[in-house]
Amino acid sequence: MPDPDERTPADVLLVEDDPADVLMIRDAFDEHATRSPLHVVGDGHQALQFLRQEGEFSGVPRPGLVLLDLNLPRRNGLEVLAEIRADASLGPIPVVMLTTSQAQEDILRSYQLYASAYVTKPIDYDDFITAIGHIDGFYLRLAQLPGSPAGQ
């Protein structure tokens, strides 16, 4: 099994409109020494443009993981997730719903749309950092993501 630290880091797209949450996620990436570049967009429309490499996002790297908030301006997270899963070129990208909602209907709908995981953002700062660390540990260090060559 290849050493996860020797793999080429996957780019991560964070779709989040709350600057405080963006800052905490950046802090968590720093604290856990995440090698993956973090790209941030603030709404669902920008997320789809980034993923499709359109407009101002022409030439950006295709992310290996999307962290997607549920409550977003312009297009909510469920709409974005549905479009990702309907697009053959984007569909294989793991999408982790990262949201404050604990509503069962949001959780159920996310999984019906094939979210890779649903994580409720902890309120406590240390718990938040730990949660991001778990996402990093699994998706960015252990799991083999689509598009990354085996052994990298």
C-alpha atoms as a PDB file:
ATOM      1  CA  MET A   1       0.000   0.000   0.000  1.00  0.00           C
ATOM      2  CA  PRO A   2       1.468   3.377  -0.977  1.00  0.00           C
ATOM      3  CA  ASP A   3       2.394   5.817   1.744  1.00  0.00           C
ATOM      4  CA  PRO A   4      -0.444   8.414   1.799  1.00  0.00           C
ATOM      5  CA  ASP A   5       2.093  11.170   2.443  1.00  0.00           C
ATOM      6  CA  GLU A   6       3.824  10.343  -0.852  1.00  0.00           C
ATOM      7  CA  ARG A   7       0.668  10.688  -2.976  1.00  0.00           C
ATOM      8  CA  THR A   8       0.063  13.767  -5.054  1.00  0.00           C
ATOM      9  CA  PRO A   9      -2.336  15.886  -2.981  1.00  0.00           C
ATOM     10  CA  ALA A  10      -5.826  16.317  -4.395  1.00  0.00           C
ATOM     11  CA  ASP A  11      -7.228  19.810  -4.799  1.00  0.00           C
ATOM     12  CA  VAL A  12     -10.216  20.528  -2.569  1.00  0.00           C
ATOM     13  CA  LEU A  13     -13.093  22.832  -3.465  1.00  0.00           C
ATOM     14  CA  LEU A  14     -14.814  24.375  -0.462  1.00  0.00           C
ATOM     15  CA  VAL A  15     -18.228  25.848  -1.259  1.00  0.00           C
ATOM     16  CA  GLU A  16     -18.994  28.044   1.735  1.00  0.00           C
ATOM     17  CA  ASP A  17     -20.511  31.507   2.117  1.00  0.00           C
ATOM     18  CA  ASP A  18     -19.681  32.066   5.801  1.00  0.00           C
ATOM     19  CA  PRO A  19     -16.251  33.741   6.150  1.00  0.00           C
ATOM     20  CA  ALA A  20     -15.881  32.468   9.742  1.00  0.00           C
ATOM     21  CA  ASP A  21     -16.367  28.859   8.613  1.00  0.00           C
ATOM     22  CA  VAL A  22     -13.911  29.361   5.745  1.00  0.00           C
ATOM     23  CA  LEU A  23     -11.351  30.655   8.238  1.00  0.00           C
ATOM     24  CA  MET A  24     -11.897  27.690  10.592  1.00  0.00           C
ATOM     25  CA  ILE A  25     -11.546  25.220   7.719  1.00  0.00           C
ATOM     26  CA  ARG A  26      -8.307  26.912   6.636  1.00  0.00           C
ATOM     27  CA  ASP A  27      -7.098  26.713  10.259  1.00  0.00           C
ATOM     28  CA  ALA A  28      -7.994  23.025  10.352  1.00  0.00           C
ATOM     29  CA  PHE A  29      -6.106  22.355   7.117  1.00  0.00           C
ATOM     30  CA  ASP A  30      -3.073  24.122   8.624  1.00  0.00           C
ATOM     31  CA  GLU A  31      -3.356  22.319  11.956  1.00  0.00           C
ATOM     32  CA  HIS A  32      -3.585  18.916  10.292  1.00  0.00           C
ATOM     33  CA  ALA A  33      -0.808  19.782   7.815  1.00  0.00           C
ATOM     34  CA  THR A  34      -3.130  19.054   4.921  1.00  0.00           C
ATOM     35  CA  ARG A  35      -1.073  19.158   1.750  1.00  0.00           C
ATOM     36  CA  SER A  36      -4.110  19.535  -0.499  1.00  0.00           C
ATOM     37  CA  PRO A  37      -4.661  22.984  -2.000  1.00  0.00           C
ATOM     38  CA  LEU A  38      -7.938  24.521  -0.803  1.00  0.00           C
ATOM     39  CA  HIS A  39      -9.986  26.564  -3.274  1.00  0.00           C
ATOM     40  CA  VAL A  40     -12.967  28.523  -1.966  1.00  0.00           C
ATOM     41  CA  VAL A  41     -16.095  29.812  -3.685  1.00  0.00           C
ATOM     42  CA  GLY A  42     -18.998  31.495  -1.933  1.00  0.00           C
ATOM     43  CA  ASP A  43     -22.098  30.295  -3.772  1.00  0.00           C
ATOM     44  CA  GLY A  44     -23.578  27.412  -5.711  1.00  0.00           C
ATOM     45  CA  HIS A  45     -23.333  29.113  -9.091  1.00  0.00           C
ATOM     46  CA  GLN A  46     -19.601  29.732  -8.635  1.00  0.00           C
ATOM     47  CA  ALA A  47     -19.152  26.122  -7.504  1.00  0.00           C
ATOM     48  CA  LEU A  48     -20.541  24.786 -10.771  1.00  0.00           C
ATOM     49  CA  GLN A  49     -18.487  27.269 -12.787  1.00  0.00           C
ATOM     50  CA  PHE A  50     -15.347  26.188 -10.903  1.00  0.00           C
ATOM     51  CA  LEU A  51     -16.091  22.493 -11.407  1.00  0.00           C
ATOM     52  CA  ARG A  52     -16.794  23.015 -15.098  1.00  0.00           C
ATOM     53  CA  GLN A  53     -13.771  25.333 -15.425  1.00  0.00           C
ATOM     54  CA  GLU A  54     -15.908  28.083 -16.967  1.00  0.00           C
ATOM     55  CA  GLY A  55     -15.566  31.865 -17.038  1.00  0.00           C
ATOM     56  CA  GLU A  56     -13.219  33.247 -14.380  1.00  0.00           C
ATOM     57  CA  PHE A  57     -12.416  29.656 -13.386  1.00  0.00           C
ATOM     58  CA  SER A  58     -11.031  28.655 -16.769  1.00  0.00           C
ATOM     59  CA  GLY A  59      -7.835  26.698 -16.208  1.00  0.00           C
ATOM     60  CA  VAL A  60      -8.381  25.914 -12.508  1.00  0.00           C
ATOM     61  CA  PRO A  61      -7.552  22.357 -11.452  1.00  0.00           C
ATOM     62  CA  ARG A  62     -10.333  19.806 -11.219  1.00  0.00           C
ATOM     63  CA  PRO A  63     -10.811  19.105  -7.503  1.00  0.00           C
ATOM     64  CA  GLY A  64     -10.584  15.589  -6.122  1.00  0.00           C
ATOM     65  CA  LEU A  65     -12.965  16.459  -3.290  1.00  0.00           C
ATOM     66  CA  VAL A  66     -15.792  18.950  -2.767  1.00  0.00           C
ATOM     67  CA  LEU A  67     -16.827  20.215   0.670  1.00  0.00           C
ATOM     68  CA  LEU A  68     -20.311  21.590   0.082  1.00  0.00           C
ATOM     69  CA  ASP A  69     -22.438  23.700   2.398  1.00  0.00           C
ATOM     70  CA  LEU A  70     -26.189  23.194   2.195  1.00  0.00           C
ATOM     71  CA  ASN A  71     -27.388  26.777   2.622  1.00  0.00           C
ATOM     72  CA  LEU A  72     -25.838  28.847  -0.149  1.00  0.00           C
ATOM     73  CA  PRO A  73     -26.792  31.891  -2.168  1.00  0.00           C
ATOM     74  CA  ARG A  74     -27.837  31.579  -5.817  1.00  0.00           C
ATOM     75  CA  ARG A  75     -28.026  27.755  -5.780  1.00  0.00           C
ATOM     76  CA  ASN A  76     -28.292  25.725  -2.619  1.00  0.00           C
ATOM     77  CA  GLY A  77     -26.096  22.746  -1.874  1.00  0.00           C
ATOM     78  CA  LEU A  78     -28.713  20.174  -2.864  1.00  0.00           C
ATOM     79  CA  GLU A  79     -29.126  21.811  -6.279  1.00  0.00           C
ATOM     80  CA  VAL A  80     -25.356  21.841  -6.747  1.00  0.00           C
ATOM     81  CA  LEU A  81     -25.065  18.207  -5.654  1.00  0.00           C
ATOM     82  CA  ALA A  82     -27.824  17.178  -8.084  1.00  0.00           C
ATOM     83  CA  GLU A  83     -26.021  18.924 -10.971  1.00  0.00           C
ATOM     84  CA  ILE A  84     -22.687  17.356 -10.038  1.00  0.00           C
ATOM     85  CA  ARG A  85     -24.203  13.885  -9.977  1.00  0.00           C
ATOM     86  CA  ALA A  86     -26.040  14.461 -13.283  1.00  0.00           C
ATOM     87  CA  ASP A  87     -22.797  15.423 -15.068  1.00  0.00           C
ATOM     88  CA  ALA A  88     -20.818  12.368 -16.187  1.00  0.00           C
ATOM     89  CA  SER A  89     -17.481  14.178 -15.933  1.00  0.00           C
ATOM     90  CA  LEU A  90     -18.171  15.532 -12.409  1.00  0.00           C
ATOM     91  CA  GLY A  91     -20.218  12.664 -10.988  1.00  0.00           C
ATOM     92  CA  PRO A  92     -17.300  10.595  -9.659  1.00  0.00           C
ATOM     93  CA  ILE A  93     -15.928  13.440  -7.489  1.00  0.00           C
ATOM     94  CA  PRO A  94     -16.616  12.760  -3.797  1.00  0.00           C
ATOM     95  CA  VAL A  95     -18.889  15.410  -2.292  1.00  0.00           C
ATOM     96  CA  VAL A  96     -19.035  15.828   1.476  1.00  0.00           C
ATOM     97  CA  MET A  97     -21.979  17.873   2.677  1.00  0.00           C
ATOM     98  CA  LEU A  98     -20.587  20.106   5.423  1.00  0.00           C
ATOM     99  CA  THR A  99     -23.418  22.047   7.000  1.00  0.00           C
ATOM    100  CA  THR A 100     -25.061  23.248  10.179  1.00  0.00           C
ATOM    101  CA  SER A 101     -28.339  21.509   9.332  1.00  0.00           C
ATOM    102  CA  GLN A 102     -29.249  18.451  11.377  1.00  0.00           C
ATOM    103  CA  ALA A 103     -32.646  18.136   9.700  1.00  0.00           C
ATOM    104  CA  GLN A 104     -33.400  14.534   8.747  1.00  0.00           C
ATOM    105  CA  GLU A 105     -34.918  15.636   5.437  1.00  0.00           C
ATOM    106  CA  ASP A 106     -31.634  17.377   4.479  1.00  0.00           C
ATOM    107  CA  ILE A 107     -29.607  14.315   5.441  1.00  0.00           C
ATOM    108  CA  LEU A 108     -31.931  11.948   3.572  1.00  0.00           C
ATOM    109  CA  ARG A 109     -32.093  14.147   0.465  1.00  0.00           C
ATOM    110  CA  SER A 110     -28.299  14.501   0.400  1.00  0.00           C
ATOM    111  CA  TYR A 111     -27.834  10.750   0.427  1.00  0.00           C
ATOM    112  CA  GLN A 112     -30.613  10.285  -2.143  1.00  0.00           C
ATOM    113  CA  LEU A 113     -28.539  12.557  -4.373  1.00  0.00           C
ATOM    114  CA  TYR A 114     -25.478  10.390  -3.648  1.00  0.00           C
ATOM    115  CA  ALA A 115     -23.529  12.630  -1.294  1.00  0.00           C
ATOM    116  CA  SER A 116     -20.387  10.804  -0.229  1.00  0.00           C
ATOM    117  CA  ALA A 117     -20.930  11.862   3.385  1.00  0.00           C
ATOM    118  CA  TYR A 118     -22.996  14.265   5.467  1.00  0.00           C
ATOM    119  CA  VAL A 119     -21.142  16.048   8.266  1.00  0.00           C
ATOM    120  CA  THR A 120     -22.820  18.476  10.625  1.00  0.00           C
ATOM    121  CA  LYS A 121     -20.484  21.337  11.515  1.00  0.00           C
ATOM    122  CA  PRO A 122     -19.724  21.234  15.218  1.00  0.00           C
ATOM    123  CA  ILE A 123     -20.280  24.481  17.128  1.00  0.00           C
ATOM    124  CA  ASP A 124     -17.205  24.065  19.334  1.00  0.00           C
ATOM    125  CA  TYR A 125     -13.994  25.236  17.631  1.00  0.00           C
ATOM    126  CA  ASP A 126     -11.899  22.234  18.732  1.00  0.00           C
ATOM    127  CA  ASP A 127     -14.615  19.807  17.631  1.00  0.00           C
ATOM    128  CA  PHE A 128     -14.828  21.628  14.286  1.00  0.00           C
ATOM    129  CA  ILE A 129     -11.059  21.277  13.782  1.00  0.00           C
ATOM    130  CA  THR A 130     -11.287  17.588  14.704  1.00  0.00           C
ATOM    131  CA  ALA A 131     -14.148  16.985  12.244  1.00  0.00           C
ATOM    132  CA  ILE A 132     -12.150  18.531   9.391  1.00  0.00           C
ATOM    133  CA  GLY A 133      -9.209  16.395  10.482  1.00  0.00           C
ATOM    134  CA  HIS A 134     -11.339  13.265  10.073  1.00  0.00           C
ATOM    135  CA  ILE A 135     -12.373  14.345   6.574  1.00  0.00           C
ATOM    136  CA  ASP A 136      -8.719  15.024   5.749  1.00  0.00           C
ATOM    137  CA  GLY A 137      -7.603  11.711   7.217  1.00  0.00           C
ATOM    138  CA  PHE A 138     -10.095   9.660   5.260  1.00  0.00           C
ATOM    139  CA  TYR A 139     -10.597  11.445   1.939  1.00  0.00           C
ATOM    140  CA  LEU A 140      -7.206  13.090   1.471  1.00  0.00           C
ATOM    141  CA  ARG A 141      -4.861  10.590   3.095  1.00  0.00           C
ATOM    142  CA  LEU A 142      -6.481   7.140   3.045  1.00  0.00           C
ATOM    143  CA  ALA A 143      -8.974   6.975   0.176  1.00  0.00           C
ATOM    144  CA  GLN A 144      -7.911   6.794  -3.451  1.00  0.00           C
ATOM    145  CA  LEU A 145      -9.760   9.626  -5.237  1.00  0.00           C
ATOM    146  CA  PRO A 146     -10.889   9.584  -8.875  1.00  0.00           C
ATOM    147  CA  GLY A 147      -8.354  10.954 -11.297  1.00  0.00           C
ATOM    148  CA  SER A 148      -5.313  10.332  -9.114  1.00  0.00           C
ATOM    149  CA  PRO A 149      -3.025   7.621 -10.447  1.00  0.00           C
ATOM    150  CA  ALA A 150      -2.732   4.528  -8.279  1.00  0.00           C
ATOM    151  CA  GLY A 151       0.255   4.710  -6.018  1.00  0.00           C
ATOM    152  CA  GLN A 152       0.465   8.493  -6.007  1.00  0.00           C
END
